[in-house]
């Protein structure tokens, strides 16, 4: 399935110009792809791997292995800041590590700078804007590509 998600990202954003893989104990690998720099100097970063499995509500007794929301994250910045790769992977791993569902309007407090030299330690999740939803077959919910916006202040793992 991740091959399809990656092809969808490339179709929407163009060829990637780099990637990093981040692995957390007990969580499958999360890749972060970089698209750009574009002619205006901007760069888009997108996760690949968070949509591997559907997210489950924390109160659910059992997670459905097929149905349920799936997301990847997309962050657009005015200039390259590759030190954001790990922090973006941390946000993408929140459903697996903390058992929370990432939704538009949610915030995630990282407890560390979003990128080197930044004082931003939280992000706001928004409706997809850079990449349209990817419809999946087999009764699976579509993959949504939530916009990540650096936030000046945030609350702890609200989703």
N, C-alpha and C. Protein backbone atom coordinates (compact mmCIF):
# COMPACT_ATOMS: atom_id res chain seq x y z
N UNK A 1 0.81 -1.19 0.00
CA UNK A 1 0.00 0.00 0.00
C UNK A 1 0.86 1.27 0.00
N UNK A 2 2.00 1.23 0.68
CA UNK A 2 2.83 2.44 0.74
C UNK A 2 3.37 2.84 -0.63
N UNK A 3 3.51 1.90 -1.53
CA UNK A 3 3.93 2.23 -2.89
C UNK A 3 2.87 3.11 -3.54
N UNK A 4 1.60 2.79 -3.32
CA UNK A 4 0.50 3.59 -3.86
C UNK A 4 0.47 4.97 -3.23
N UNK A 5 0.69 5.05 -1.93
CA UNK A 5 0.71 6.35 -1.24
C UNK A 5 1.87 7.20 -1.76
N UNK A 6 3.03 6.60 -1.93
CA UNK A 6 4.18 7.35 -2.44
C UNK A 6 3.92 7.85 -3.86
N UNK A 7 3.35 7.01 -4.71
CA UNK A 7 3.03 7.42 -6.08
C UNK A 7 2.04 8.58 -6.08
N UNK A 8 1.09 8.55 -5.15
CA UNK A 8 0.10 9.64 -5.03
C UNK A 8 0.80 10.94 -4.62
N UNK A 9 1.74 10.86 -3.68
CA UNK A 9 2.49 12.05 -3.27
C UNK A 9 3.30 12.60 -4.44
N UNK A 10 3.98 11.73 -5.16
CA UNK A 10 4.80 12.17 -6.30
C UNK A 10 3.91 12.79 -7.38
N UNK A 11 2.74 12.21 -7.60
CA UNK A 11 1.82 12.76 -8.58
C UNK A 11 1.37 14.17 -8.19
N UNK A 12 1.16 14.40 -6.90
CA UNK A 12 0.69 15.71 -6.42
C UNK A 12 1.81 16.73 -6.26
N UNK A 13 3.01 16.28 -5.88
CA UNK A 13 4.07 17.22 -5.50
C UNK A 13 5.29 17.18 -6.41
N UNK A 14 5.37 16.23 -7.33
CA UNK A 14 6.54 16.08 -8.17
C UNK A 14 7.52 15.11 -7.53
N UNK A 15 8.62 14.87 -8.20
CA UNK A 15 9.62 13.92 -7.69
C UNK A 15 10.21 14.42 -6.38
N UNK A 16 10.44 13.47 -5.47
CA UNK A 16 11.05 13.87 -4.20
C UNK A 16 12.53 14.12 -4.41
N UNK A 17 13.09 14.98 -3.56
CA UNK A 17 14.51 15.34 -3.68
C UNK A 17 15.33 14.78 -2.52
N UNK A 18 14.72 13.93 -1.73
CA UNK A 18 15.42 13.29 -0.63
C UNK A 18 14.44 12.67 0.33
N UNK A 19 14.97 11.80 1.19
CA UNK A 19 14.12 11.16 2.18
C UNK A 19 14.97 10.74 3.36
N UNK A 20 14.30 10.60 4.48
CA UNK A 20 14.94 10.08 5.69
C UNK A 20 14.00 9.06 6.28
N UNK A 21 14.55 8.07 6.93
CA UNK A 21 13.77 7.05 7.61
C UNK A 21 14.01 7.16 9.10
N UNK A 22 12.93 7.09 9.86
CA UNK A 22 13.02 7.17 11.31
C UNK A 22 12.30 5.95 11.88
N UNK A 23 12.93 5.28 12.82
CA UNK A 23 12.33 4.12 13.44
C UNK A 23 12.27 4.36 14.95
N UNK A 24 11.11 4.06 15.52
CA UNK A 24 10.91 4.16 16.95
C UNK A 24 10.67 2.75 17.49
N UNK A 25 11.08 2.49 18.70
CA UNK A 25 10.90 1.19 19.32
C UNK A 25 9.42 0.79 19.29
N UNK A 26 9.13 -0.35 18.70
CA UNK A 26 7.77 -0.86 18.67
C UNK A 26 6.89 -0.27 17.58
N UNK A 27 7.44 0.57 16.72
CA UNK A 27 6.66 1.22 15.66
C UNK A 27 7.36 0.96 14.32
N UNK A 28 6.59 0.68 13.29
CA UNK A 28 7.19 0.49 11.98
C UNK A 28 7.79 1.80 11.48
N UNK A 29 8.75 1.67 10.59
CA UNK A 29 9.50 2.81 10.06
C UNK A 29 8.57 3.87 9.47
N UNK A 30 8.91 5.13 9.72
CA UNK A 30 8.25 6.28 9.10
C UNK A 30 9.30 6.96 8.22
N UNK A 31 8.97 7.14 6.95
CA UNK A 31 9.83 7.90 6.05
C UNK A 31 9.30 9.32 5.96
N UNK A 32 10.20 10.26 5.77
CA UNK A 32 9.80 11.65 5.49
C UNK A 32 10.46 12.02 4.19
N UNK A 33 9.63 12.39 3.21
CA UNK A 33 10.11 12.76 1.88
C UNK A 33 10.18 14.27 1.77
N UNK A 34 11.21 14.76 1.07
CA UNK A 34 11.36 16.20 0.82
C UNK A 34 11.08 16.45 -0.66
N UNK A 35 10.26 17.46 -0.92
CA UNK A 35 9.93 17.87 -2.29
C UNK A 35 10.41 19.32 -2.45
N UNK A 36 11.40 19.51 -3.28
CA UNK A 36 11.95 20.84 -3.47
C UNK A 36 13.41 20.86 -3.06
N UNK A 37 14.02 22.02 -3.04
CA UNK A 37 13.38 23.33 -3.09
C UNK A 37 12.77 23.63 -4.46
N UNK A 38 11.68 24.32 -4.37
CA UNK A 38 10.96 24.77 -5.55
C UNK A 38 11.60 26.07 -6.04
N UNK A 39 11.20 26.59 -7.20
CA UNK A 39 11.81 27.83 -7.72
C UNK A 39 11.76 28.99 -6.73
N UNK A 40 10.72 29.05 -5.88
CA UNK A 40 10.63 30.13 -4.90
C UNK A 40 11.41 29.84 -3.62
N UNK A 41 12.10 28.68 -3.57
CA UNK A 41 12.89 28.32 -2.40
C UNK A 41 12.13 27.49 -1.38
N UNK A 42 10.81 27.36 -1.53
CA UNK A 42 10.01 26.61 -0.56
C UNK A 42 10.25 25.10 -0.70
N UNK A 43 9.94 24.40 0.37
CA UNK A 43 10.11 22.96 0.43
C UNK A 43 8.87 22.36 1.08
N UNK A 44 8.45 21.21 0.58
CA UNK A 44 7.34 20.48 1.19
C UNK A 44 7.90 19.16 1.71
N UNK A 45 7.56 18.84 2.95
CA UNK A 45 7.94 17.57 3.57
C UNK A 45 6.66 16.75 3.77
N UNK A 46 6.73 15.46 3.49
CA UNK A 46 5.55 14.60 3.66
C UNK A 46 5.98 13.27 4.28
N UNK A 47 5.16 12.79 5.20
CA UNK A 47 5.45 11.50 5.82
C UNK A 47 4.96 10.38 4.91
N UNK A 48 5.55 9.22 5.10
CA UNK A 48 5.15 8.01 4.39
C UNK A 48 5.30 6.85 5.36
N UNK A 49 4.19 6.27 5.74
CA UNK A 49 4.23 5.14 6.67
C UNK A 49 3.18 5.21 7.74
N UNK A 50 2.71 6.42 8.06
CA UNK A 50 1.69 6.57 9.09
C UNK A 50 0.37 5.93 8.66
N UNK A 51 0.11 5.90 7.36
CA UNK A 51 -1.15 5.37 6.84
C UNK A 51 -1.14 3.86 6.68
N UNK A 52 -0.04 3.24 7.03
CA UNK A 52 0.12 1.80 6.90
C UNK A 52 -1.03 1.05 7.56
N UNK A 53 -1.48 1.54 8.71
CA UNK A 53 -2.58 0.92 9.45
C UNK A 53 -3.56 2.00 9.84
N UNK A 54 -4.84 1.66 9.95
CA UNK A 54 -5.82 2.66 10.37
C UNK A 54 -5.60 3.03 11.84
N UNK A 55 -5.93 4.27 12.17
CA UNK A 55 -5.85 4.72 13.56
C UNK A 55 -7.10 4.24 14.28
N UNK A 56 -6.96 4.00 15.56
CA UNK A 56 -8.09 3.54 16.36
C UNK A 56 -8.32 4.48 17.53
N UNK A 57 -9.58 4.68 17.85
CA UNK A 57 -9.93 5.49 19.03
C UNK A 57 -9.30 4.86 20.27
N UNK A 58 -8.81 5.67 21.19
CA UNK A 58 -8.16 5.13 22.38
C UNK A 58 -9.11 4.28 23.24
N UNK A 59 -10.41 4.51 23.12
CA UNK A 59 -11.37 3.75 23.92
C UNK A 59 -11.81 2.45 23.25
N UNK A 60 -11.38 2.22 22.01
CA UNK A 60 -11.77 1.00 21.30
C UNK A 60 -11.11 -0.22 21.94
N UNK A 61 -11.89 -1.26 22.12
CA UNK A 61 -11.35 -2.49 22.70
C UNK A 61 -10.36 -3.17 21.75
N UNK A 62 -10.73 -3.20 20.46
CA UNK A 62 -9.87 -3.78 19.44
C UNK A 62 -9.79 -2.83 18.25
N UNK A 63 -8.62 -2.74 17.68
CA UNK A 63 -8.46 -1.91 16.48
C UNK A 63 -8.85 -2.74 15.26
N UNK A 64 -9.63 -2.14 14.37
CA UNK A 64 -10.01 -2.79 13.12
C UNK A 64 -8.81 -2.72 12.18
N UNK A 65 -8.31 -3.85 11.68
CA UNK A 65 -7.12 -3.81 10.81
C UNK A 65 -7.39 -3.28 9.41
N UNK A 66 -8.66 -3.04 9.06
CA UNK A 66 -9.00 -2.58 7.71
C UNK A 66 -9.63 -1.19 7.74
N UNK A 67 -10.74 -1.05 8.47
CA UNK A 67 -11.48 0.21 8.47
C UNK A 67 -10.94 1.15 9.55
N UNK A 68 -11.03 2.42 9.28
CA UNK A 68 -10.58 3.43 10.23
C UNK A 68 -9.79 4.49 9.50
N UNK A 69 -9.66 5.66 10.10
CA UNK A 69 -8.97 6.77 9.44
C UNK A 69 -7.48 6.48 9.25
N UNK A 70 -6.98 6.94 8.12
CA UNK A 70 -5.56 6.82 7.80
C UNK A 70 -5.06 8.20 7.39
N UNK A 71 -3.87 8.58 7.86
CA UNK A 71 -3.33 9.88 7.51
C UNK A 71 -1.85 9.80 7.20
N UNK A 72 -1.42 10.79 6.43
CA UNK A 72 -0.02 11.16 6.30
C UNK A 72 0.01 12.66 6.55
N UNK A 73 1.18 13.19 6.83
CA UNK A 73 1.32 14.60 7.20
C UNK A 73 2.12 15.35 6.15
N UNK A 74 1.73 16.59 5.89
CA UNK A 74 2.39 17.43 4.89
C UNK A 74 2.72 18.78 5.53
N UNK A 75 3.98 19.16 5.46
CA UNK A 75 4.46 20.42 6.03
C UNK A 75 5.15 21.22 4.94
N UNK A 76 4.69 22.43 4.69
CA UNK A 76 5.32 23.33 3.70
C UNK A 76 6.07 24.42 4.46
N UNK A 77 7.31 24.64 4.08
CA UNK A 77 8.14 25.68 4.70
C UNK A 77 8.72 26.58 3.62
N UNK A 78 9.03 27.82 4.00
CA UNK A 78 9.57 28.80 3.05
C UNK A 78 10.97 28.46 2.56
N UNK A 79 11.70 27.67 3.33
CA UNK A 79 13.06 27.30 2.96
C UNK A 79 13.35 25.91 3.52
N UNK A 80 14.37 25.24 2.99
CA UNK A 80 14.70 23.90 3.49
C UNK A 80 15.10 23.94 4.97
N UNK A 81 14.57 23.03 5.72
CA UNK A 81 14.92 22.86 7.13
C UNK A 81 14.87 21.36 7.42
N UNK A 82 15.87 20.65 6.93
CA UNK A 82 15.84 19.20 7.02
C UNK A 82 15.88 18.66 8.45
N UNK A 83 16.23 19.50 9.41
CA UNK A 83 16.20 19.03 10.79
C UNK A 83 14.77 18.82 11.29
N UNK A 84 13.76 19.18 10.47
CA UNK A 84 12.36 18.96 10.82
C UNK A 84 11.96 17.49 10.60
N UNK A 85 12.77 16.73 9.91
CA UNK A 85 12.43 15.36 9.54
C UNK A 85 12.06 14.49 10.75
N UNK A 86 12.89 14.53 11.77
CA UNK A 86 12.64 13.68 12.95
C UNK A 86 11.36 14.12 13.67
N UNK A 87 11.18 15.41 13.85
CA UNK A 87 9.99 15.90 14.55
C UNK A 87 8.71 15.53 13.78
N UNK A 88 8.75 15.62 12.47
CA UNK A 88 7.59 15.25 11.67
C UNK A 88 7.30 13.76 11.81
N UNK A 89 8.33 12.94 11.84
CA UNK A 89 8.15 11.51 12.06
C UNK A 89 7.57 11.23 13.45
N UNK A 90 7.98 12.01 14.44
CA UNK A 90 7.42 11.86 15.79
C UNK A 90 5.92 12.10 15.77
N UNK A 91 5.48 13.16 15.11
CA UNK A 91 4.05 13.45 15.02
C UNK A 91 3.33 12.32 14.30
N UNK A 92 3.91 11.81 13.22
CA UNK A 92 3.29 10.73 12.46
C UNK A 92 3.18 9.45 13.27
N UNK A 93 4.07 9.26 14.23
CA UNK A 93 4.06 8.05 15.07
C UNK A 93 3.11 8.14 16.26
N UNK A 94 2.56 9.32 16.53
CA UNK A 94 1.68 9.51 17.69
C UNK A 94 0.55 8.48 17.75
N UNK A 95 -0.14 8.17 16.65
CA UNK A 95 -1.21 7.17 16.75
C UNK A 95 -0.72 5.80 17.23
N UNK A 96 0.45 5.38 16.78
CA UNK A 96 0.98 4.08 17.19
C UNK A 96 1.52 4.10 18.61
N UNK A 97 2.16 5.20 18.99
CA UNK A 97 2.80 5.28 20.30
C UNK A 97 1.80 5.68 21.39
N UNK A 98 0.98 6.69 21.12
CA UNK A 98 0.06 7.22 22.13
C UNK A 98 -1.37 6.73 21.97
N UNK A 99 -1.67 6.08 20.85
CA UNK A 99 -3.02 5.58 20.64
C UNK A 99 -4.04 6.66 20.37
N UNK A 100 -3.60 7.76 19.80
CA UNK A 100 -4.52 8.85 19.48
C UNK A 100 -4.78 8.92 17.98
N UNK A 101 -5.93 9.47 17.63
CA UNK A 101 -6.29 9.66 16.24
C UNK A 101 -5.95 11.10 15.85
N UNK A 102 -5.14 11.26 14.80
CA UNK A 102 -4.79 12.59 14.31
C UNK A 102 -5.92 13.10 13.43
N UNK A 103 -6.40 14.32 13.75
CA UNK A 103 -7.52 14.92 13.02
C UNK A 103 -7.24 16.40 12.78
N UNK A 104 -7.90 16.98 11.76
CA UNK A 104 -7.80 18.43 11.59
C UNK A 104 -8.29 19.14 12.86
N UNK A 105 -7.56 20.16 13.25
CA UNK A 105 -7.89 20.91 14.46
C UNK A 105 -7.12 20.43 15.68
N UNK A 106 -6.49 19.28 15.59
CA UNK A 106 -5.71 18.77 16.71
C UNK A 106 -4.35 19.44 16.79
N UNK A 107 -3.79 19.45 17.97
CA UNK A 107 -2.43 19.96 18.16
C UNK A 107 -1.58 18.87 18.79
N UNK A 108 -0.31 18.93 18.49
CA UNK A 108 0.65 18.00 19.09
C UNK A 108 1.80 18.83 19.63
N UNK A 109 2.06 18.68 20.92
CA UNK A 109 3.20 19.33 21.58
C UNK A 109 4.36 18.36 21.54
N UNK A 110 5.46 18.79 20.93
CA UNK A 110 6.62 17.92 20.75
C UNK A 110 7.56 17.92 21.96
N UNK A 111 7.58 19.00 22.71
CA UNK A 111 8.51 19.09 23.82
C UNK A 111 9.94 19.36 23.39
N UNK A 112 10.13 19.65 22.12
CA UNK A 112 11.44 19.99 21.57
C UNK A 112 11.19 20.87 20.35
N UNK A 113 12.20 21.62 19.90
CA UNK A 113 12.00 22.47 18.73
C UNK A 113 11.61 21.66 17.49
N UNK A 114 10.75 22.24 16.68
CA UNK A 114 10.30 21.58 15.46
C UNK A 114 11.48 21.38 14.49
N UNK A 115 12.40 22.35 14.44
CA UNK A 115 13.64 22.23 13.68
C UNK A 115 14.72 22.95 14.44
N UNK A 116 15.97 22.69 14.09
CA UNK A 116 17.11 23.31 14.77
C UNK A 116 16.98 24.83 14.76
N UNK A 117 17.16 25.44 15.93
CA UNK A 117 17.11 26.89 16.06
C UNK A 117 15.72 27.47 16.17
N UNK A 118 14.70 26.65 16.13
CA UNK A 118 13.32 27.13 16.22
C UNK A 118 12.86 27.18 17.67
N UNK A 119 11.96 28.11 17.97
CA UNK A 119 11.34 28.11 19.30
C UNK A 119 9.94 27.49 19.25
N UNK A 120 9.55 26.99 18.08
CA UNK A 120 8.25 26.35 17.90
C UNK A 120 8.35 24.91 18.37
N UNK A 121 7.48 24.52 19.31
CA UNK A 121 7.51 23.16 19.84
C UNK A 121 6.19 22.41 19.66
N UNK A 122 5.25 23.01 18.96
CA UNK A 122 3.98 22.32 18.73
C UNK A 122 3.50 22.58 17.32
N UNK A 123 2.61 21.71 16.87
CA UNK A 123 2.05 21.85 15.53
C UNK A 123 0.53 21.74 15.59
N UNK A 124 -0.10 22.38 14.64
CA UNK A 124 -1.55 22.32 14.46
C UNK A 124 -1.80 21.50 13.21
N UNK A 125 -2.74 20.57 13.28
CA UNK A 125 -3.10 19.75 12.13
C UNK A 125 -4.30 20.37 11.45
N UNK A 126 -4.24 20.48 10.13
CA UNK A 126 -5.32 21.10 9.37
C UNK A 126 -5.82 20.22 8.24
N UNK A 127 -6.86 20.70 7.61
CA UNK A 127 -7.44 20.01 6.46
C UNK A 127 -6.39 19.88 5.36
N UNK A 128 -6.47 18.82 4.57
CA UNK A 128 -5.53 18.68 3.45
C UNK A 128 -5.62 19.86 2.49
N UNK A 129 -4.47 20.34 2.02
CA UNK A 129 -4.48 21.43 1.04
C UNK A 129 -3.49 21.18 -0.09
N UNK A 130 -2.41 20.47 0.17
CA UNK A 130 -1.38 20.25 -0.84
C UNK A 130 -1.61 18.96 -1.63
N UNK A 131 -2.20 17.97 -0.98
CA UNK A 131 -2.37 16.65 -1.58
C UNK A 131 -3.81 16.19 -1.33
N UNK A 132 -4.54 15.83 -2.39
CA UNK A 132 -5.91 15.35 -2.19
C UNK A 132 -5.93 13.97 -1.54
N UNK A 133 -7.08 13.61 -0.98
CA UNK A 133 -7.25 12.29 -0.38
C UNK A 133 -6.94 11.20 -1.41
N UNK A 134 -6.44 10.07 -0.92
CA UNK A 134 -6.18 8.91 -1.75
C UNK A 134 -7.22 7.85 -1.43
N UNK A 135 -8.07 7.54 -2.39
CA UNK A 135 -9.11 6.53 -2.20
C UNK A 135 -8.47 5.16 -2.30
N UNK A 136 -8.78 4.30 -1.32
CA UNK A 136 -8.25 2.94 -1.28
C UNK A 136 -9.37 1.94 -1.56
N UNK A 137 -8.99 0.77 -1.97
CA UNK A 137 -9.99 -0.27 -2.21
C UNK A 137 -10.07 -1.21 -1.01
N UNK A 138 -10.90 -2.21 -1.11
CA UNK A 138 -10.99 -3.23 -0.07
C UNK A 138 -11.63 -2.78 1.23
N UNK A 139 -12.52 -1.78 1.16
CA UNK A 139 -13.20 -1.34 2.36
C UNK A 139 -12.36 -0.47 3.28
N UNK A 140 -11.18 -0.07 2.81
CA UNK A 140 -10.31 0.78 3.63
C UNK A 140 -10.70 2.24 3.47
N UNK A 141 -10.63 2.99 4.57
CA UNK A 141 -10.87 4.42 4.52
C UNK A 141 -9.78 5.09 3.67
N UNK A 142 -10.08 6.24 3.07
CA UNK A 142 -9.06 6.93 2.27
C UNK A 142 -7.92 7.45 3.14
N UNK A 143 -6.78 7.65 2.53
CA UNK A 143 -5.66 8.29 3.21
C UNK A 143 -5.86 9.79 3.06
N UNK A 144 -5.84 10.50 4.19
CA UNK A 144 -5.93 11.97 4.18
C UNK A 144 -4.54 12.52 4.44
N UNK A 145 -4.19 13.60 3.76
CA UNK A 145 -2.87 14.21 3.87
C UNK A 145 -3.01 15.52 4.64
N UNK A 146 -2.99 15.42 5.96
CA UNK A 146 -3.24 16.56 6.83
C UNK A 146 -2.10 17.57 6.75
N UNK A 147 -2.46 18.84 6.69
CA UNK A 147 -1.50 19.93 6.69
C UNK A 147 -0.98 20.13 8.11
N UNK A 148 0.33 20.27 8.24
CA UNK A 148 0.97 20.53 9.53
C UNK A 148 1.42 21.98 9.52
N UNK A 149 1.00 22.74 10.54
CA UNK A 149 1.37 24.14 10.66
C UNK A 149 2.09 24.36 11.98
N UNK A 150 3.30 24.93 11.96
CA UNK A 150 3.97 25.24 13.22
C UNK A 150 3.09 26.17 14.06
N UNK A 151 3.00 25.88 15.34
CA UNK A 151 2.16 26.68 16.25
C UNK A 151 3.05 27.25 17.36
N UNK A 152 2.79 28.49 17.71
CA UNK A 152 3.60 29.16 18.74
C UNK A 152 3.48 28.47 20.08
N UNK A 153 2.32 28.04 20.44
CA UNK A 153 2.11 27.34 21.70
C UNK A 153 1.09 26.27 21.48
N UNK A 154 1.12 25.25 22.24
CA UNK A 154 0.16 24.18 22.03
C UNK A 154 -0.14 23.44 23.29
N UNK A 155 -1.02 22.50 23.18
CA UNK A 155 -1.35 21.67 24.32
C UNK A 155 -0.80 20.29 24.10
N UNK A 156 -0.76 19.51 25.10
CA UNK A 156 -0.13 18.22 25.04
C UNK A 156 -1.00 17.21 24.33
N UNK A 157 -0.52 16.71 23.23
CA UNK A 157 -1.15 15.62 22.48
C UNK A 157 -2.67 15.68 22.43
N UNK A 158 -3.20 16.77 21.97
CA UNK A 158 -4.64 16.86 21.75
C UNK A 158 -4.91 16.42 20.33
N UNK A 159 -5.92 15.62 20.18
CA UNK A 159 -6.24 15.17 18.85
C UNK A 159 -7.71 14.82 18.78
